[in-house]
Amino acid sequence: MQNYVTLPVNQLIYFYITYKLFFMSLITVLLVLIVVGVLLWLVNNYIPMDGTIKKIFNIVVVVLVIIWLLKVFGLFDNLMNAHV
């Protein structure tokens, strides 16, 4: 007779949902980063604008993406609540 490790059904469902949500959120983050990168590349290459405006635009987009990533991973609230 073989010994099997069995988990209750509710633990299996919880594991499956957690696993699926984790990887779906990572895929979503990667897709958003790819789309933002492609759009930024298209704007930089195909829309004529002054060099300084282009630099400011790139910096604003990168800062917004970094803030969004911090919020997605739950680090933004921790940084805002930090006491020195």
C-alpha atoms as a PDB file:
ATOM      1  CA  MET A   1       0.000   0.000   0.000  1.00  0.00           C
ATOM      2  CA  GLN A   2       1.372   3.416  -1.007  1.00  0.00           C
ATOM      3  CA  ASN A   3       1.300   6.445   1.241  1.00  0.00           C
ATOM      4  CA  TYR A   4       0.014   9.615  -0.377  1.00  0.00           C
ATOM      5  CA  VAL A   5       0.076  13.085   1.078  1.00  0.00           C
ATOM      6  CA  THR A   6      -3.398  14.450   0.691  1.00  0.00           C
ATOM      7  CA  LEU A   7      -4.586  17.952   1.299  1.00  0.00           C
ATOM      8  CA  PRO A   8      -8.133  18.937   2.034  1.00  0.00           C
ATOM      9  CA  VAL A   9     -10.034  20.223  -0.968  1.00  0.00           C
ATOM     10  CA  ASN A  10     -10.247  23.769   0.388  1.00  0.00           C
ATOM     11  CA  GLN A  11      -6.439  23.970   0.720  1.00  0.00           C
ATOM     12  CA  LEU A  12      -6.020  22.711  -2.839  1.00  0.00           C
ATOM     13  CA  ILE A  13      -8.468  25.308  -4.134  1.00  0.00           C
ATOM     14  CA  TYR A  14      -6.738  28.067  -2.144  1.00  0.00           C
ATOM     15  CA  PHE A  15      -3.322  27.003  -3.504  1.00  0.00           C
ATOM     16  CA  TYR A  16      -4.634  26.901  -7.075  1.00  0.00           C
ATOM     17  CA  ILE A  17      -6.250  30.340  -6.832  1.00  0.00           C
ATOM     18  CA  THR A  18      -3.187  31.887  -5.188  1.00  0.00           C
ATOM     19  CA  TYR A  19      -0.860  30.300  -7.760  1.00  0.00           C
ATOM     20  CA  LYS A  20      -3.028  31.420 -10.662  1.00  0.00           C
ATOM     21  CA  LEU A  21      -3.473  34.978  -9.352  1.00  0.00           C
ATOM     22  CA  PHE A  22       0.273  35.337  -8.721  1.00  0.00           C
ATOM     23  CA  PHE A  23       1.274  34.306 -12.227  1.00  0.00           C
ATOM     24  CA  MET A  24      -1.583  36.168 -13.876  1.00  0.00           C
ATOM     25  CA  SER A  25      -0.520  39.344 -12.087  1.00  0.00           C
ATOM     26  CA  LEU A  26       3.088  38.846 -13.201  1.00  0.00           C
ATOM     27  CA  ILE A  27       1.942  38.328 -16.771  1.00  0.00           C
ATOM     28  CA  THR A  28      -0.177  41.477 -16.518  1.00  0.00           C
ATOM     29  CA  VAL A  29       2.769  43.475 -15.195  1.00  0.00           C
ATOM     30  CA  LEU A  30       5.003  42.211 -18.005  1.00  0.00           C
ATOM     31  CA  LEU A  31       2.383  43.001 -20.647  1.00  0.00           C
ATOM     32  CA  VAL A  32       1.891  46.530 -19.292  1.00  0.00           C
ATOM     33  CA  LEU A  33       5.650  47.126 -19.253  1.00  0.00           C
ATOM     34  CA  ILE A  34       5.961  45.877 -22.833  1.00  0.00           C
ATOM     35  CA  VAL A  35       3.065  48.041 -24.038  1.00  0.00           C
ATOM     36  CA  VAL A  36       4.395  51.144 -22.278  1.00  0.00           C
ATOM     37  CA  GLY A  37       7.868  50.505 -23.679  1.00  0.00           C
ATOM     38  CA  VAL A  38       6.590  50.088 -27.233  1.00  0.00           C
ATOM     39  CA  LEU A  39       4.419  53.206 -26.965  1.00  0.00           C
ATOM     40  CA  LEU A  40       7.351  55.206 -25.584  1.00  0.00           C
ATOM     41  CA  TRP A  41       9.557  53.958 -28.417  1.00  0.00           C
ATOM     42  CA  LEU A  42       6.904  54.890 -30.993  1.00  0.00           C
ATOM     43  CA  VAL A  43       6.526  58.381 -29.528  1.00  0.00           C
ATOM     44  CA  ASN A  44      10.300  58.888 -29.413  1.00  0.00           C
ATOM     45  CA  ASN A  45      10.846  57.731 -32.988  1.00  0.00           C
ATOM     46  CA  TYR A  46       7.808  58.921 -34.904  1.00  0.00           C
ATOM     47  CA  ILE A  47       6.574  62.104 -33.208  1.00  0.00           C
ATOM     48  CA  PRO A  48       8.826  65.085 -33.862  1.00  0.00           C
ATOM     49  CA  MET A  49       9.467  67.147 -30.756  1.00  0.00           C
ATOM     50  CA  ASP A  50      12.259  69.129 -29.176  1.00  0.00           C
ATOM     51  CA  GLY A  51      14.982  67.154 -27.397  1.00  0.00           C
ATOM     52  CA  THR A  52      14.347  68.703 -23.992  1.00  0.00           C
ATOM     53  CA  ILE A  53      10.611  68.011 -24.191  1.00  0.00           C
ATOM     54  CA  LYS A  54      11.382  64.434 -25.213  1.00  0.00           C
ATOM     55  CA  LYS A  55      13.700  63.988 -22.214  1.00  0.00           C
ATOM     56  CA  ILE A  56      11.108  65.415 -19.827  1.00  0.00           C
ATOM     57  CA  PHE A  57       8.424  63.175 -21.341  1.00  0.00           C
ATOM     58  CA  ASN A  58      10.646  60.092 -20.966  1.00  0.00           C
ATOM     59  CA  ILE A  59      11.460  60.945 -17.345  1.00  0.00           C
ATOM     60  CA  VAL A  60       7.772  61.484 -16.503  1.00  0.00           C
ATOM     61  CA  VAL A  61       6.781  58.159 -18.084  1.00  0.00           C
ATOM     62  CA  VAL A  62       9.559  56.262 -16.282  1.00  0.00           C
ATOM     63  CA  VAL A  63       8.681  57.845 -12.911  1.00  0.00           C
ATOM     64  CA  LEU A  64       4.991  57.014 -13.395  1.00  0.00           C
ATOM     65  CA  VAL A  65       5.828  53.407 -14.301  1.00  0.00           C
ATOM     66  CA  ILE A  66       8.075  53.075 -11.235  1.00  0.00           C
ATOM     67  CA  ILE A  67       5.329  54.464  -8.976  1.00  0.00           C
ATOM     68  CA  TRP A  68       2.824  52.071 -10.578  1.00  0.00           C
ATOM     69  CA  LEU A  69       5.174  49.114 -10.016  1.00  0.00           C
ATOM     70  CA  LEU A  70       5.652  50.115  -6.368  1.00  0.00           C
ATOM     71  CA  LYS A  71       1.875  50.227  -5.943  1.00  0.00           C
ATOM     72  CA  VAL A  72       1.394  46.872  -7.674  1.00  0.00           C
ATOM     73  CA  PHE A  73       3.879  45.151  -5.392  1.00  0.00           C
ATOM     74  CA  GLY A  74       2.549  46.930  -2.301  1.00  0.00           C
ATOM     75  CA  LEU A  75       5.710  48.876  -1.545  1.00  0.00           C
ATOM     76  CA  PHE A  76       4.331  52.354  -2.172  1.00  0.00           C
ATOM     77  CA  ASP A  77       2.142  52.368   0.944  1.00  0.00           C
ATOM     78  CA  ASN A  78       5.050  51.134   3.046  1.00  0.00           C
ATOM     79  CA  LEU A  79       7.263  53.943   1.754  1.00  0.00           C
ATOM     80  CA  MET A  80       4.591  56.568   2.423  1.00  0.00           C
ATOM     81  CA  ASN A  81       4.057  55.286   5.989  1.00  0.00           C
ATOM     82  CA  ALA A  82       7.752  55.076   6.867  1.00  0.00           C
ATOM     83  CA  HIS A  83       8.811  57.125   9.883  1.00  0.00           C
ATOM     84  CA  VAL A  84      12.345  58.417  10.093  1.00  0.00           C
END
